[in-house]
Amino acid sequence: MPSLARLLIGLGLLLVLAGLVIYLLGRIGIPLGHLPGDFAWRRKNVAFYFPLGTSILLSILLTLVLYLLSRFHK
């Protein structure tokens, strides 16, 4: 059980850090979710939003971070 507690605390800290980064990026003028390549359609009673550009950017960043972590962990 202590390992589960450590995992949950680590994930909580990671979520807080991710929220802080997203908040700070929005404050300096890089709003995630409103990048070029994010699609938004609005009609009378329907709204559809697909953040393709943001998803690609986050995928590249996470791939780079996980690669660097695995490289230094050995």
Foldseek 3Di string as FASTA:
>chain_A
DVVVVVVVVVVVVVVVVVVVVQVVCVVVPNHQQPDPPWDWDDDDPDIDTRRPVSVVVVVVVVVVVVVVCVVVVD
